[in-house]
Every structure is written in C-alpha cells, then in structure tokens.
N, C-alpha and C. Protein backbone atom coordinates (compact mmCIF):
# COMPACT_ATOMS: atom_id res chain seq x y z
N MET A 1 66.65 -71.28 -66.69
CA MET A 1 66.27 -70.68 -67.95
C MET A 1 67.47 -70.78 -68.93
N ILE A 2 67.14 -70.91 -70.21
CA ILE A 2 68.15 -70.99 -71.25
C ILE A 2 67.96 -69.71 -72.11
N VAL A 3 69.08 -69.00 -72.34
CA VAL A 3 69.07 -67.80 -73.14
C VAL A 3 69.93 -68.04 -74.36
N THR A 4 69.38 -67.74 -75.51
CA THR A 4 70.16 -67.80 -76.77
C THR A 4 70.45 -66.40 -77.23
N VAL A 5 71.69 -66.15 -77.57
CA VAL A 5 72.10 -64.85 -78.14
C VAL A 5 72.53 -65.15 -79.60
N PHE A 6 71.75 -64.62 -80.55
CA PHE A 6 71.98 -64.85 -81.94
C PHE A 6 72.36 -63.55 -82.59
N ARG A 7 73.64 -63.39 -82.99
CA ARG A 7 74.15 -62.21 -83.61
C ARG A 7 74.30 -62.49 -85.09
N SER A 8 73.82 -61.58 -85.95
CA SER A 8 73.83 -61.86 -87.39
C SER A 8 73.98 -60.57 -88.22
N ARG A 9 74.42 -60.82 -89.43
CA ARG A 9 74.48 -59.77 -90.43
C ARG A 9 73.75 -60.34 -91.67
N LEU A 10 72.78 -59.60 -92.11
CA LEU A 10 72.03 -60.04 -93.31
C LEU A 10 72.74 -59.55 -94.59
N LYS A 11 72.60 -60.34 -95.64
CA LYS A 11 73.02 -59.86 -96.94
C LYS A 11 72.11 -58.69 -97.30
N PRO A 12 72.66 -57.64 -97.86
CA PRO A 12 71.83 -56.45 -98.16
C PRO A 12 70.61 -56.76 -99.06
N GLU A 13 70.77 -57.63 -100.00
CA GLU A 13 69.70 -57.95 -100.94
C GLU A 13 68.68 -58.93 -100.31
N ALA A 14 68.88 -59.42 -99.11
CA ALA A 14 68.03 -60.46 -98.55
C ALA A 14 66.89 -59.91 -97.70
N MET A 15 66.89 -58.65 -97.37
CA MET A 15 65.93 -58.13 -96.38
C MET A 15 64.49 -58.38 -96.78
N THR A 16 64.10 -58.13 -97.98
CA THR A 16 62.69 -58.30 -98.40
C THR A 16 62.22 -59.75 -98.22
N ALA A 17 63.02 -60.70 -98.62
CA ALA A 17 62.64 -62.11 -98.49
C ALA A 17 62.79 -62.60 -97.04
N TYR A 18 63.67 -62.00 -96.30
CA TYR A 18 63.94 -62.42 -94.90
C TYR A 18 62.79 -62.09 -93.96
N MET A 19 62.22 -60.91 -94.12
CA MET A 19 61.23 -60.43 -93.15
C MET A 19 60.04 -61.36 -92.96
N PRO A 20 59.40 -61.90 -94.00
CA PRO A 20 58.28 -62.82 -93.76
C PRO A 20 58.73 -64.11 -92.99
N MET A 21 59.91 -64.60 -93.30
CA MET A 21 60.40 -65.77 -92.59
C MET A 21 60.64 -65.44 -91.13
N ALA A 22 61.24 -64.29 -90.89
CA ALA A 22 61.51 -63.89 -89.49
C ALA A 22 60.19 -63.77 -88.73
N ALA A 23 59.18 -63.17 -89.37
CA ALA A 23 57.88 -63.03 -88.70
C ALA A 23 57.28 -64.40 -88.39
N ARG A 24 57.40 -65.32 -89.28
CA ARG A 24 56.88 -66.64 -89.05
C ARG A 24 57.62 -67.34 -87.92
N MET A 25 58.96 -67.19 -87.87
CA MET A 25 59.75 -67.81 -86.79
C MET A 25 59.36 -67.19 -85.44
N SER A 26 59.08 -65.91 -85.39
CA SER A 26 58.62 -65.24 -84.15
C SER A 26 57.31 -65.84 -83.69
N GLU A 27 56.37 -65.97 -84.64
CA GLU A 27 55.07 -66.55 -84.32
C GLU A 27 55.22 -67.99 -83.81
N LEU A 28 56.04 -68.77 -84.49
CA LEU A 28 56.27 -70.16 -84.13
C LEU A 28 56.88 -70.26 -82.73
N ALA A 29 57.91 -69.46 -82.47
CA ALA A 29 58.56 -69.51 -81.15
C ALA A 29 57.61 -69.17 -80.04
N ARG A 30 56.79 -68.15 -80.24
CA ARG A 30 55.83 -67.73 -79.22
C ARG A 30 54.84 -68.86 -78.84
N GLY A 31 54.59 -69.73 -79.77
CA GLY A 31 53.66 -70.84 -79.55
C GLY A 31 54.31 -72.09 -78.96
N MET A 32 55.60 -72.09 -78.80
CA MET A 32 56.29 -73.29 -78.30
C MET A 32 56.15 -73.38 -76.79
N PRO A 33 55.95 -74.61 -76.26
CA PRO A 33 55.91 -74.80 -74.82
C PRO A 33 57.25 -74.34 -74.23
N GLY A 34 57.21 -73.63 -73.10
CA GLY A 34 58.42 -73.20 -72.43
C GLY A 34 58.97 -71.88 -72.95
N TYR A 35 58.38 -71.32 -73.98
CA TYR A 35 58.83 -70.03 -74.51
C TYR A 35 58.60 -68.95 -73.43
N VAL A 36 59.61 -68.09 -73.21
CA VAL A 36 59.50 -66.99 -72.27
C VAL A 36 59.43 -65.68 -73.01
N SER A 37 60.43 -65.37 -73.86
CA SER A 37 60.42 -64.11 -74.59
C SER A 37 61.50 -64.13 -75.67
N HIS A 38 61.40 -63.15 -76.56
CA HIS A 38 62.52 -62.86 -77.48
C HIS A 38 62.39 -61.42 -77.92
N LYS A 39 63.57 -60.83 -78.21
CA LYS A 39 63.65 -59.46 -78.69
C LYS A 39 64.75 -59.39 -79.71
N VAL A 40 64.55 -58.48 -80.67
CA VAL A 40 65.56 -58.27 -81.73
C VAL A 40 65.99 -56.82 -81.68
N PHE A 41 67.30 -56.61 -81.78
CA PHE A 41 67.91 -55.27 -81.79
C PHE A 41 68.79 -55.21 -83.04
N THR A 42 68.80 -54.03 -83.62
CA THR A 42 69.72 -53.78 -84.77
C THR A 42 70.59 -52.57 -84.46
N SER A 43 71.88 -52.77 -84.60
CA SER A 43 72.81 -51.67 -84.31
C SER A 43 72.97 -50.80 -85.54
N GLU A 44 73.57 -49.65 -85.31
CA GLU A 44 73.80 -48.68 -86.42
C GLU A 44 74.63 -49.29 -87.55
N ASP A 45 75.53 -50.21 -87.22
CA ASP A 45 76.36 -50.82 -88.28
C ASP A 45 75.70 -51.99 -88.97
N GLY A 46 74.46 -52.28 -88.62
CA GLY A 46 73.70 -53.35 -89.30
C GLY A 46 73.72 -54.71 -88.60
N GLU A 47 74.50 -54.83 -87.55
CA GLU A 47 74.47 -56.15 -86.85
C GLU A 47 73.12 -56.27 -86.12
N ARG A 48 72.54 -57.44 -86.21
CA ARG A 48 71.28 -57.77 -85.52
C ARG A 48 71.60 -58.68 -84.37
N VAL A 49 70.95 -58.43 -83.23
CA VAL A 49 71.08 -59.29 -82.07
C VAL A 49 69.70 -59.73 -81.65
N THR A 50 69.48 -61.05 -81.60
CA THR A 50 68.22 -61.64 -81.13
C THR A 50 68.50 -62.35 -79.83
N ILE A 51 67.73 -62.04 -78.80
CA ILE A 51 67.83 -62.70 -77.50
C ILE A 51 66.56 -63.49 -77.28
N VAL A 52 66.70 -64.80 -77.07
CA VAL A 52 65.55 -65.71 -76.93
C VAL A 52 65.69 -66.42 -75.58
N GLU A 53 64.56 -66.49 -74.85
CA GLU A 53 64.57 -67.16 -73.55
C GLU A 53 63.55 -68.32 -73.57
N PHE A 54 64.00 -69.47 -73.08
CA PHE A 54 63.13 -70.61 -72.89
C PHE A 54 63.28 -71.07 -71.45
N GLU A 55 62.28 -71.70 -70.91
CA GLU A 55 62.24 -72.16 -69.52
C GLU A 55 63.34 -73.18 -69.16
N SER A 56 63.66 -74.05 -70.12
CA SER A 56 64.54 -75.15 -69.77
C SER A 56 65.31 -75.60 -71.02
N GLU A 57 66.31 -76.43 -70.75
CA GLU A 57 67.10 -77.02 -71.88
C GLU A 57 66.18 -77.84 -72.77
N ALA A 58 65.26 -78.58 -72.21
CA ALA A 58 64.35 -79.43 -72.97
C ALA A 58 63.45 -78.59 -73.89
N THR A 59 62.89 -77.50 -73.39
CA THR A 59 62.02 -76.65 -74.18
C THR A 59 62.82 -75.88 -75.24
N HIS A 60 64.04 -75.50 -74.90
CA HIS A 60 64.90 -74.87 -75.90
C HIS A 60 65.25 -75.86 -76.99
N ARG A 61 65.56 -77.06 -76.63
CA ARG A 61 65.92 -78.07 -77.64
C ARG A 61 64.74 -78.37 -78.60
N ALA A 62 63.52 -78.36 -78.01
CA ALA A 62 62.32 -78.57 -78.87
C ALA A 62 62.23 -77.44 -79.90
N TRP A 63 62.53 -76.24 -79.52
CA TRP A 63 62.53 -75.11 -80.46
C TRP A 63 63.66 -75.32 -81.50
N ALA A 64 64.84 -75.61 -81.01
CA ALA A 64 66.00 -75.72 -81.88
C ALA A 64 65.83 -76.81 -82.92
N THR A 65 65.06 -77.84 -82.59
CA THR A 65 64.91 -78.99 -83.50
C THR A 65 63.53 -79.05 -84.16
N HIS A 66 62.75 -78.03 -83.99
CA HIS A 66 61.41 -77.98 -84.67
C HIS A 66 61.67 -78.01 -86.17
N PRO A 67 60.97 -78.87 -86.94
CA PRO A 67 61.25 -78.98 -88.39
C PRO A 67 61.16 -77.67 -89.17
N GLU A 68 60.18 -76.84 -88.85
CA GLU A 68 60.06 -75.57 -89.56
C GLU A 68 61.23 -74.65 -89.24
N HIS A 69 61.67 -74.65 -87.99
CA HIS A 69 62.81 -73.85 -87.58
C HIS A 69 64.10 -74.36 -88.23
N ILE A 70 64.26 -75.68 -88.32
CA ILE A 70 65.40 -76.26 -89.01
C ILE A 70 65.45 -75.81 -90.47
N ASN A 71 64.32 -75.85 -91.14
CA ASN A 71 64.24 -75.39 -92.55
C ASN A 71 64.63 -73.91 -92.68
N ALA A 72 64.16 -73.09 -91.71
CA ALA A 72 64.50 -71.64 -91.71
C ALA A 72 66.00 -71.46 -91.47
N GLN A 73 66.60 -72.28 -90.62
CA GLN A 73 68.03 -72.18 -90.38
C GLN A 73 68.82 -72.50 -91.70
N ARG A 74 68.40 -73.52 -92.41
CA ARG A 74 69.06 -73.87 -93.67
C ARG A 74 68.91 -72.72 -94.68
N LYS A 75 67.71 -72.18 -94.76
CA LYS A 75 67.51 -71.07 -95.73
C LYS A 75 68.30 -69.87 -95.30
N GLY A 76 68.41 -69.61 -94.01
CA GLY A 76 69.20 -68.50 -93.54
C GLY A 76 70.67 -68.60 -93.98
N ARG A 77 71.23 -69.81 -93.76
CA ARG A 77 72.64 -70.01 -94.17
C ARG A 77 72.81 -69.90 -95.67
N ALA A 78 71.86 -70.40 -96.41
CA ALA A 78 71.99 -70.45 -97.88
C ALA A 78 71.70 -69.06 -98.49
N ASP A 79 70.72 -68.33 -97.96
CA ASP A 79 70.22 -67.16 -98.68
C ASP A 79 70.25 -65.84 -97.96
N PHE A 80 70.25 -65.81 -96.61
CA PHE A 80 70.01 -64.58 -95.92
C PHE A 80 71.23 -63.99 -95.18
N TYR A 81 72.04 -64.84 -94.58
CA TYR A 81 73.09 -64.34 -93.67
C TYR A 81 74.43 -64.21 -94.35
N GLU A 82 75.08 -63.10 -94.14
CA GLU A 82 76.50 -62.96 -94.46
C GLU A 82 77.35 -63.68 -93.42
N ALA A 83 76.92 -63.54 -92.15
CA ALA A 83 77.62 -64.14 -91.03
C ALA A 83 76.70 -64.19 -89.82
N TYR A 84 76.96 -65.11 -88.92
CA TYR A 84 76.22 -65.14 -87.65
C TYR A 84 77.02 -65.87 -86.60
N SER A 85 76.65 -65.64 -85.35
CA SER A 85 77.19 -66.44 -84.25
C SER A 85 76.03 -66.73 -83.30
N LEU A 86 76.12 -67.86 -82.64
CA LEU A 86 75.05 -68.33 -81.79
C LEU A 86 75.66 -68.77 -80.45
N GLN A 87 75.10 -68.24 -79.37
CA GLN A 87 75.53 -68.63 -78.03
C GLN A 87 74.28 -69.11 -77.28
N VAL A 88 74.36 -70.30 -76.70
CA VAL A 88 73.27 -70.83 -75.86
C VAL A 88 73.80 -70.87 -74.44
N CYS A 89 73.12 -70.19 -73.53
CA CYS A 89 73.62 -69.96 -72.17
C CYS A 89 72.58 -70.39 -71.17
N GLU A 90 73.06 -70.91 -70.02
CA GLU A 90 72.16 -71.25 -68.93
C GLU A 90 72.25 -70.11 -67.89
N VAL A 91 71.09 -69.63 -67.48
CA VAL A 91 71.05 -68.53 -66.52
C VAL A 91 71.42 -69.13 -65.14
N LYS A 92 72.44 -68.57 -64.51
CA LYS A 92 72.87 -69.02 -63.18
C LYS A 92 72.25 -68.18 -62.07
N ARG A 93 72.01 -66.93 -62.40
CA ARG A 93 71.44 -66.01 -61.43
C ARG A 93 70.71 -64.91 -62.19
N GLN A 94 69.63 -64.44 -61.57
CA GLN A 94 68.87 -63.36 -62.19
C GLN A 94 68.48 -62.34 -61.11
N THR A 95 68.61 -61.09 -61.44
CA THR A 95 68.15 -60.01 -60.54
C THR A 95 67.23 -59.13 -61.39
N VAL A 96 66.13 -58.71 -60.81
CA VAL A 96 65.16 -57.88 -61.48
C VAL A 96 64.91 -56.62 -60.62
N PHE A 97 64.95 -55.47 -61.22
CA PHE A 97 64.66 -54.23 -60.50
C PHE A 97 63.71 -53.39 -61.36
N PRO A 98 62.67 -52.84 -60.89
CA PRO A 98 62.15 -53.07 -59.57
C PRO A 98 61.66 -54.48 -59.38
N SER A 99 61.47 -54.91 -58.14
CA SER A 99 61.17 -56.31 -57.88
C SER A 99 59.82 -56.79 -58.43
N ASP A 100 58.92 -55.89 -58.75
CA ASP A 100 57.61 -56.31 -59.29
C ASP A 100 57.65 -56.36 -60.82
N ALA A 101 58.77 -56.11 -61.43
CA ALA A 101 58.86 -56.10 -62.92
C ALA A 101 58.88 -57.51 -63.49
C-alpha cells in the first residue's frame, strides 16, 4: 500500500474557492482504481493534514498524474496554499486492532 501525507496551510482568503475544488478531488480520488481511503484533519493552528491510501505504486501514480488532479495541483500552488509538504510512503507493516476492523 502507498500512503500519501499532504500537510498544507491555506491562504485565509482562499477557503471559499478552495472547498468546491477539494470536494471534486475527493470525488475523483474515490473513483480511481486502487483507491483505499482518504481523510482530512485540521489542527487548531490551521494546518491541514490529508492522508490518502492507494493499493499500489501504479494506482497511486495514476492518481498523481490524472489530468484533472494535475490542474488542481497547479491551481493550489497558484491560488490556495501558503505552504505545503508532501510525503509518499510505502507501507512496510500494518497492524489493526481489533482484528476484525
């Protein structure tokens, strides 16, 4: 499994325009082959953390290079984000408790 950790800070004035694009990217990701899950968390200081899981490097790459996602990335850099960091990680081991979860 491939896990992406996307940490970001939005420009304060960007929230209204950002939300429809974020909703569209969520919808698009859910429809991609190999999609497992994603969740977004926002801390008290405004940092956002998005965790995205795909089954494999190939399915993650398909998401990363999807034309609509690439356009959203460009718009994010130009209009929405003050700063961000992106980490793409390969899961080496996973433990789930309880075991039926």
